[in-house]
C-alpha atoms as a PDB file:
ATOM      1  CA  MET A   1    -116.000 -14.021  -7.198  1.00  0.00           C
ATOM      2  CA  SER A   2    -115.001 -12.720 -10.631  1.00  0.00           C
ATOM      3  CA  ASP A   3    -111.632 -14.052 -12.365  1.00  0.00           C
ATOM      4  CA  PRO A   4    -108.995 -11.156 -11.574  1.00  0.00           C
ATOM      5  CA  ILE A   5    -106.654 -12.532 -14.481  1.00  0.00           C
ATOM      6  CA  THR A   6    -107.625 -10.323 -17.789  1.00  0.00           C
ATOM      7  CA  SER A   7    -104.741 -10.987 -19.655  1.00  0.00           C
ATOM      8  CA  ILE A   8    -101.662 -13.556 -20.211  1.00  0.00           C
ATOM      9  CA  VAL A   9     -99.146 -11.549 -22.675  1.00  0.00           C
ATOM     10  CA  PRO A  10     -95.977 -12.289 -23.846  1.00  0.00           C
ATOM     11  CA  LEU A  11     -93.318 -10.875 -21.408  1.00  0.00           C
ATOM     12  CA  ALA A  12     -91.584  -9.235 -24.130  1.00  0.00           C
ATOM     13  CA  GLN A  13     -94.483  -6.821 -23.898  1.00  0.00           C
ATOM     14  CA  VAL A  14     -93.671  -5.605 -20.522  1.00  0.00           C
ATOM     15  CA  ALA A  15     -91.156  -2.846 -20.009  1.00  0.00           C
ATOM     16  CA  PRO A  16     -87.748  -4.348 -18.539  1.00  0.00           C
ATOM     17  CA  GLY A  17     -87.887  -1.988 -15.394  1.00  0.00           C
ATOM     18  CA  ASP A  18     -91.465  -3.245 -14.572  1.00  0.00           C
ATOM     19  CA  LEU A  19     -90.220  -6.741 -14.481  1.00  0.00           C
ATOM     20  CA  GLU A  20     -87.137  -6.072 -12.209  1.00  0.00           C
ATOM     21  CA  THR A  21     -89.266  -4.162  -9.836  1.00  0.00           C
ATOM     22  CA  LEU A  22     -91.784  -7.020  -9.774  1.00  0.00           C
ATOM     23  CA  LEU A  23     -88.831  -9.618  -9.126  1.00  0.00           C
ATOM     24  CA  ASP A  24     -87.515  -7.602  -6.448  1.00  0.00           C
ATOM     25  CA  SER A  25     -90.448  -7.159  -4.642  1.00  0.00           C
ATOM     26  CA  VAL A  26     -91.115 -10.951  -4.773  1.00  0.00           C
ATOM     27  CA  PHE A  27     -87.912 -12.369  -4.091  1.00  0.00           C
ATOM     28  CA  GLY A  28     -85.776  -9.024  -2.890  1.00  0.00           C
ATOM     29  CA  PRO A  29     -83.104  -7.354  -3.944  1.00  0.00           C
ATOM     30  CA  ASP A  30     -80.560  -9.919  -3.109  1.00  0.00           C
ATOM     31  CA  ARG A  31     -82.290 -12.549  -5.471  1.00  0.00           C
ATOM     32  CA  HIS A  32     -79.373 -12.420  -7.876  1.00  0.00           C
ATOM     33  CA  ALA A  33     -77.424 -14.382  -5.185  1.00  0.00           C
ATOM     34  CA  ARG A  34     -79.567 -17.482  -5.566  1.00  0.00           C
ATOM     35  CA  THR A  35     -78.455 -20.695  -7.213  1.00  0.00           C
ATOM     36  CA  ALA A  36     -81.077 -20.498  -9.984  1.00  0.00           C
ATOM     37  CA  TYR A  37     -79.522 -17.343 -11.123  1.00  0.00           C
ATOM     38  CA  ARG A  38     -75.935 -19.209 -11.556  1.00  0.00           C
ATOM     39  CA  VAL A  39     -78.061 -21.742 -13.699  1.00  0.00           C
ATOM     40  CA  ARG A  40     -79.124 -19.039 -15.801  1.00  0.00           C
ATOM     41  CA  GLU A  41     -75.892 -17.016 -16.181  1.00  0.00           C
ATOM     42  CA  GLY A  42     -75.041 -15.689 -19.613  1.00  0.00           C
ATOM     43  CA  THR A  43     -78.206 -16.719 -21.033  1.00  0.00           C
ATOM     44  CA  GLN A  44     -81.458 -14.845 -21.713  1.00  0.00           C
ATOM     45  CA  TRP A  45     -85.028 -15.754 -21.178  1.00  0.00           C
ATOM     46  CA  LEU A  46     -86.907 -17.308 -24.196  1.00  0.00           C
ATOM     47  CA  PRO A  47     -89.448 -14.805 -25.512  1.00  0.00           C
ATOM     48  CA  ALA A  48     -91.506 -17.339 -27.014  1.00  0.00           C
ATOM     49  CA  LEU A  49     -91.678 -19.400 -23.863  1.00  0.00           C
ATOM     50  CA  SER A  50     -92.082 -16.332 -21.117  1.00  0.00           C
ATOM     51  CA  PHE A  51     -95.213 -14.709 -19.753  1.00  0.00           C
ATOM     52  CA  ALA A  52     -96.752 -11.899 -17.884  1.00  0.00           C
ATOM     53  CA  ALA A  53    -100.007 -11.518 -16.070  1.00  0.00           C
ATOM     54  CA  LEU A  54    -101.806  -8.516 -16.131  1.00  0.00           C
ATOM     55  CA  ASP A  55    -104.803  -7.392 -14.016  1.00  0.00           C
ATOM     56  CA  GLU A  56    -108.061  -5.886 -14.733  1.00  0.00           C
ATOM     57  CA  ALA A  57    -106.386  -2.549 -14.610  1.00  0.00           C
ATOM     58  CA  SER A  58    -103.418  -3.771 -16.849  1.00  0.00           C
ATOM     59  CA  TRP A  59    -100.618  -3.965 -14.099  1.00  0.00           C
ATOM     60  CA  LEU A  60     -98.340  -6.529 -14.328  1.00  0.00           C
ATOM     61  CA  VAL A  61     -98.756  -8.619 -11.056  1.00  0.00           C
ATOM     62  CA  ALA A  62     -97.083 -11.848 -12.502  1.00  0.00           C
ATOM     63  CA  THR A  63     -94.489 -13.496 -14.446  1.00  0.00           C
ATOM     64  CA  ILE A  64     -93.119 -16.723 -15.770  1.00  0.00           C
ATOM     65  CA  GLN A  65     -89.881 -17.187 -17.568  1.00  0.00           C
ATOM     66  CA  ALA A  66     -87.965 -20.130 -19.533  1.00  0.00           C
ATOM     67  CA  TRP A  67     -84.491 -20.320 -19.804  1.00  0.00           C
ATOM     68  CA  PRO A  68     -81.924 -22.441 -22.102  1.00  0.00           C
ATOM     69  CA  ALA A  69     -80.081 -24.603 -19.553  1.00  0.00           C
ATOM     70  CA  ALA A  70     -78.294 -28.060 -19.930  1.00  0.00           C
ATOM     71  CA  LEU A  71     -77.571 -30.801 -17.816  1.00  0.00           C
ATOM     72  CA  THR A  72     -73.819 -31.811 -18.341  1.00  0.00           C
ATOM     73  CA  ASP A  73     -73.455 -35.615 -17.629  1.00  0.00           C
ATOM     74  CA  PRO A  74     -70.394 -37.357 -16.338  1.00  0.00           C
ATOM     75  CA  LYS A  75     -68.823 -37.851 -19.763  1.00  0.00           C
ATOM     76  CA  GLY A  76     -69.092 -34.120 -20.318  1.00  0.00           C
ATOM     77  CA  ARG A  77     -71.982 -34.024 -22.983  1.00  0.00           C
ATOM     78  CA  ALA A  78     -74.384 -31.452 -22.520  1.00  0.00           C
ATOM     79  CA  HIS A  79     -78.440 -32.316 -22.760  1.00  0.00           C
ATOM     80  CA  PRO A  80     -80.588 -29.278 -23.507  1.00  0.00           C
ATOM     81  CA  LEU A  81     -83.188 -28.324 -21.066  1.00  0.00           C
ATOM     82  CA  LEU A  82     -85.537 -25.691 -20.366  1.00  0.00           C
ATOM     83  CA  MET A  83     -85.368 -24.071 -16.790  1.00  0.00           C
ATOM     84  CA  ILE A  84     -88.566 -22.745 -15.698  1.00  0.00           C
ATOM     85  CA  GLY A  85     -88.570 -19.740 -13.356  1.00  0.00           C
ATOM     86  CA  PRO A  86     -88.954 -17.594 -11.331  1.00  0.00           C
ATOM     87  CA  VAL A  87     -92.625 -18.024 -11.308  1.00  0.00           C
ATOM     88  CA  ALA A  88     -93.318 -14.559  -9.639  1.00  0.00           C
ATOM     89  CA  VAL A  89     -96.654 -13.308  -8.265  1.00  0.00           C
ATOM     90  CA  LEU A  90     -96.874 -10.332  -6.098  1.00  0.00           C
ATOM     91  CA  ARG A  91     -97.920 -11.185  -2.526  1.00  0.00           C
ATOM     92  CA  GLU A  92    -101.298  -9.217  -2.499  1.00  0.00           C
ATOM     93  CA  HIS A  93    -102.157 -11.662  -5.353  1.00  0.00           C
ATOM     94  CA  GLN A  94    -100.806 -14.690  -4.495  1.00  0.00           C
ATOM     95  CA  GLY A  95    -103.703 -17.399  -4.262  1.00  0.00           C
ATOM     96  CA  GLU A  96    -105.727 -15.642  -7.313  1.00  0.00           C
ATOM     97  CA  GLY A  97    -104.931 -18.062 -10.061  1.00  0.00           C
ATOM     98  CA  TYR A  98    -102.111 -16.075 -11.563  1.00  0.00           C
ATOM     99  CA  GLY A  99     -99.237 -18.704 -11.056  1.00  0.00           C
ATOM    100  CA  LYS A 100    -101.611 -21.514 -12.497  1.00  0.00           C
ATOM    101  CA  ALA A 101    -102.521 -19.357 -15.364  1.00  0.00           C
ATOM    102  CA  LEU A 102     -98.969 -18.560 -16.205  1.00  0.00           C
ATOM    103  CA  MET A 103     -97.844 -22.442 -15.980  1.00  0.00           C
ATOM    104  CA  MET A 104    -100.466 -23.526 -18.188  1.00  0.00           C
ATOM    105  CA  ALA A 105     -99.486 -20.792 -20.646  1.00  0.00           C
ATOM    106  CA  LEU A 106     -96.085 -21.917 -20.680  1.00  0.00           C
ATOM    107  CA  ILE A 107     -96.629 -25.581 -20.657  1.00  0.00           C
ATOM    108  CA  ALA A 108     -99.185 -24.987 -23.587  1.00  0.00           C
ATOM    109  CA  SER A 109     -96.271 -23.376 -25.235  1.00  0.00           C
ATOM    110  CA  VAL A 110     -93.691 -25.711 -24.591  1.00  0.00           C
ATOM    111  CA  ASP A 111     -95.949 -28.930 -25.554  1.00  0.00           C
ATOM    112  CA  ASP A 112     -96.800 -27.038 -29.041  1.00  0.00           C
ATOM    113  CA  PRO A 113     -94.958 -28.527 -31.809  1.00  0.00           C
ATOM    114  CA  ALA A 114     -95.213 -24.898 -33.880  1.00  0.00           C
ATOM    115  CA  THR A 115     -93.218 -23.449 -30.605  1.00  0.00           C
ATOM    116  CA  ALA A 116     -91.019 -26.185 -29.425  1.00  0.00           C
ATOM    117  CA  GLY A 117     -90.466 -28.556 -32.418  1.00  0.00           C
ATOM    118  CA  PRO A 118     -91.461 -32.157 -32.897  1.00  0.00           C
ATOM    119  CA  ALA A 119     -90.284 -33.073 -29.242  1.00  0.00           C
ATOM    120  CA  PRO A 120     -90.348 -30.358 -26.519  1.00  0.00           C
ATOM    121  CA  LEU A 121     -87.373 -30.103 -24.417  1.00  0.00           C
ATOM    122  CA  PRO A 122     -87.565 -31.580 -20.921  1.00  0.00           C
ATOM    123  CA  GLN A 123     -87.998 -28.819 -18.225  1.00  0.00           C
ATOM    124  CA  PHE A 124     -86.787 -28.331 -14.742  1.00  0.00           C
ATOM    125  CA  LEU A 125     -87.448 -25.949 -11.918  1.00  0.00           C
ATOM    126  CA  ILE A 126     -86.608 -25.456  -8.207  1.00  0.00           C
ATOM    127  CA  GLY A 127     -89.746 -25.246  -6.348  1.00  0.00           C
ATOM    128  CA  ASP A 128     -92.308 -27.005  -4.073  1.00  0.00           C
ATOM    129  CA  PRO A 129     -93.139 -30.407  -5.332  1.00  0.00           C
ATOM    130  CA  GLU A 130     -96.607 -30.004  -3.604  1.00  0.00           C
ATOM    131  CA  TYR A 131     -97.540 -26.668  -6.050  1.00  0.00           C
ATOM    132  CA  TYR A 132     -95.779 -27.946  -9.321  1.00  0.00           C
ATOM    133  CA  SER A 133     -96.741 -31.734  -9.327  1.00  0.00           C
ATOM    134  CA  ARG A 134    -100.226 -30.778 -10.614  1.00  0.00           C
ATOM    135  CA  PHE A 135     -98.372 -29.784 -13.512  1.00  0.00           C
ATOM    136  CA  GLY A 136     -96.464 -32.872 -14.278  1.00  0.00           C
ATOM    137  CA  PHE A 137     -93.237 -31.882 -12.429  1.00  0.00           C
ATOM    138  CA  CYS A 138     -91.465 -34.174  -9.903  1.00  0.00           C
ATOM    139  CA  ALA A 139     -88.258 -35.215  -8.265  1.00  0.00           C
ATOM    140  CA  GLU A 140     -88.292 -38.956  -9.133  1.00  0.00           C
ATOM    141  CA  HIS A 141     -85.588 -38.259 -11.966  1.00  0.00           C
ATOM    142  CA  THR A 142     -83.446 -35.746 -10.337  1.00  0.00           C
ATOM    143  CA  ALA A 143     -81.575 -37.495  -7.352  1.00  0.00           C
ATOM    144  CA  GLY A 144     -78.134 -37.501  -9.330  1.00  0.00           C
ATOM    145  CA  TRP A 145     -78.571 -33.702 -10.581  1.00  0.00           C
ATOM    146  CA  ARG A 146     -76.582 -31.224  -9.034  1.00  0.00           C
ATOM    147  CA  LEU A 147     -76.866 -27.280  -8.947  1.00  0.00           C
ATOM    148  CA  PRO A 148     -73.777 -24.803  -8.749  1.00  0.00           C
ATOM    149  CA  GLY A 149     -75.078 -23.610  -5.283  1.00  0.00           C
ATOM    150  CA  PRO A 150     -77.204 -24.754  -2.565  1.00  0.00           C
ATOM    151  CA  PHE A 151     -80.664 -26.239  -2.847  1.00  0.00           C
ATOM    152  CA  GLU A 152     -83.079 -28.721  -1.459  1.00  0.00           C
ATOM    153  CA  GLN A 153     -83.058 -32.223  -3.343  1.00  0.00           C
ATOM    154  CA  ARG A 154     -86.430 -32.692  -2.999  1.00  0.00           C
ATOM    155  CA  ARG A 155     -87.309 -29.181  -4.685  1.00  0.00           C
ATOM    156  CA  LEU A 156     -85.354 -30.146  -7.915  1.00  0.00           C
ATOM    157  CA  LEU A 157     -88.201 -30.877 -10.075  1.00  0.00           C
ATOM    158  CA  ALA A 158     -88.518 -32.091 -13.700  1.00  0.00           C
ATOM    159  CA  ARG A 159     -90.872 -32.838 -16.413  1.00  0.00           C
ATOM    160  CA  ALA A 160     -90.666 -34.458 -19.592  1.00  0.00           C
ATOM    161  CA  ALA A 161     -92.651 -36.249 -22.115  1.00  0.00           C
ATOM    162  CA  ASN A 162     -90.160 -39.465 -21.960  1.00  0.00           C
ATOM    163  CA  PRO A 163     -88.164 -39.544 -18.772  1.00  0.00           C
ATOM    164  CA  ALA A 164     -86.282 -41.920 -20.140  1.00  0.00           C
ATOM    165  CA  ILE A 165     -84.045 -39.835 -21.876  1.00  0.00           C
ATOM    166  CA  LEU A 166     -82.906 -37.629 -18.955  1.00  0.00           C
ATOM    167  CA  PRO A 167     -79.351 -38.466 -17.819  1.00  0.00           C
ATOM    168  CA  ARG A 168     -79.543 -39.820 -14.254  1.00  0.00           C
ATOM    169  CA  GLU A 169     -76.463 -37.658 -13.047  1.00  0.00           C
ATOM    170  CA  GLY A 170     -75.258 -34.326 -14.189  1.00  0.00           C
ATOM    171  CA  MET A 171     -74.612 -30.670 -13.192  1.00  0.00           C
ATOM    172  CA  LEU A 172     -77.011 -28.299 -14.444  1.00  0.00           C
ATOM    173  CA  GLY A 173     -76.033 -24.892 -15.684  1.00  0.00           C
ATOM    174  CA  PRO A 174     -76.440 -22.315 -18.628  1.00  0.00           C
ATOM    175  CA  TRP A 175     -76.978 -23.624 -22.301  1.00  0.00           C
ATOM    176  CA  ARG A 176     -73.974 -22.490 -24.375  1.00  0.00           C
ATOM    177  CA  GLY A 177     -74.866 -24.395 -27.220  1.00  0.00           C
END
């Protein structure tokens, strides 16, 4: 079987309408009611950390986005983080490696000092630990974190070069700094 992924490109190169069509197809037209959208409310995805996967015909088949977010601790201090997601792969292309390729592109950019500076921001996402653990995400440090809507605690995952810097408790929301 040949590799169907012919290119990973910056998401900014994709027409906004194509992105919205893909997200509606993967998550449904009611996707804006999800808790993750409340965390990202009022912010824009980060172009340097958001990517699209194109198939051999240059059709958009998958995307990944990174968003500015914050964990506000019990003392009211906002700790900047990156929210990863959505990771969206068209159903007919799931299992072909698009999600993995996009995660690897994003992580390489997040960890690159030229993109992220000397210390990359911790990242979090809402997803299946069975899948995202291979990329260094886990729920070990998120037990005291809350979201502005319903979620399964086991699916709130974080990745950080130094997890000791993560507050043990707090509310996740958009970064307004």
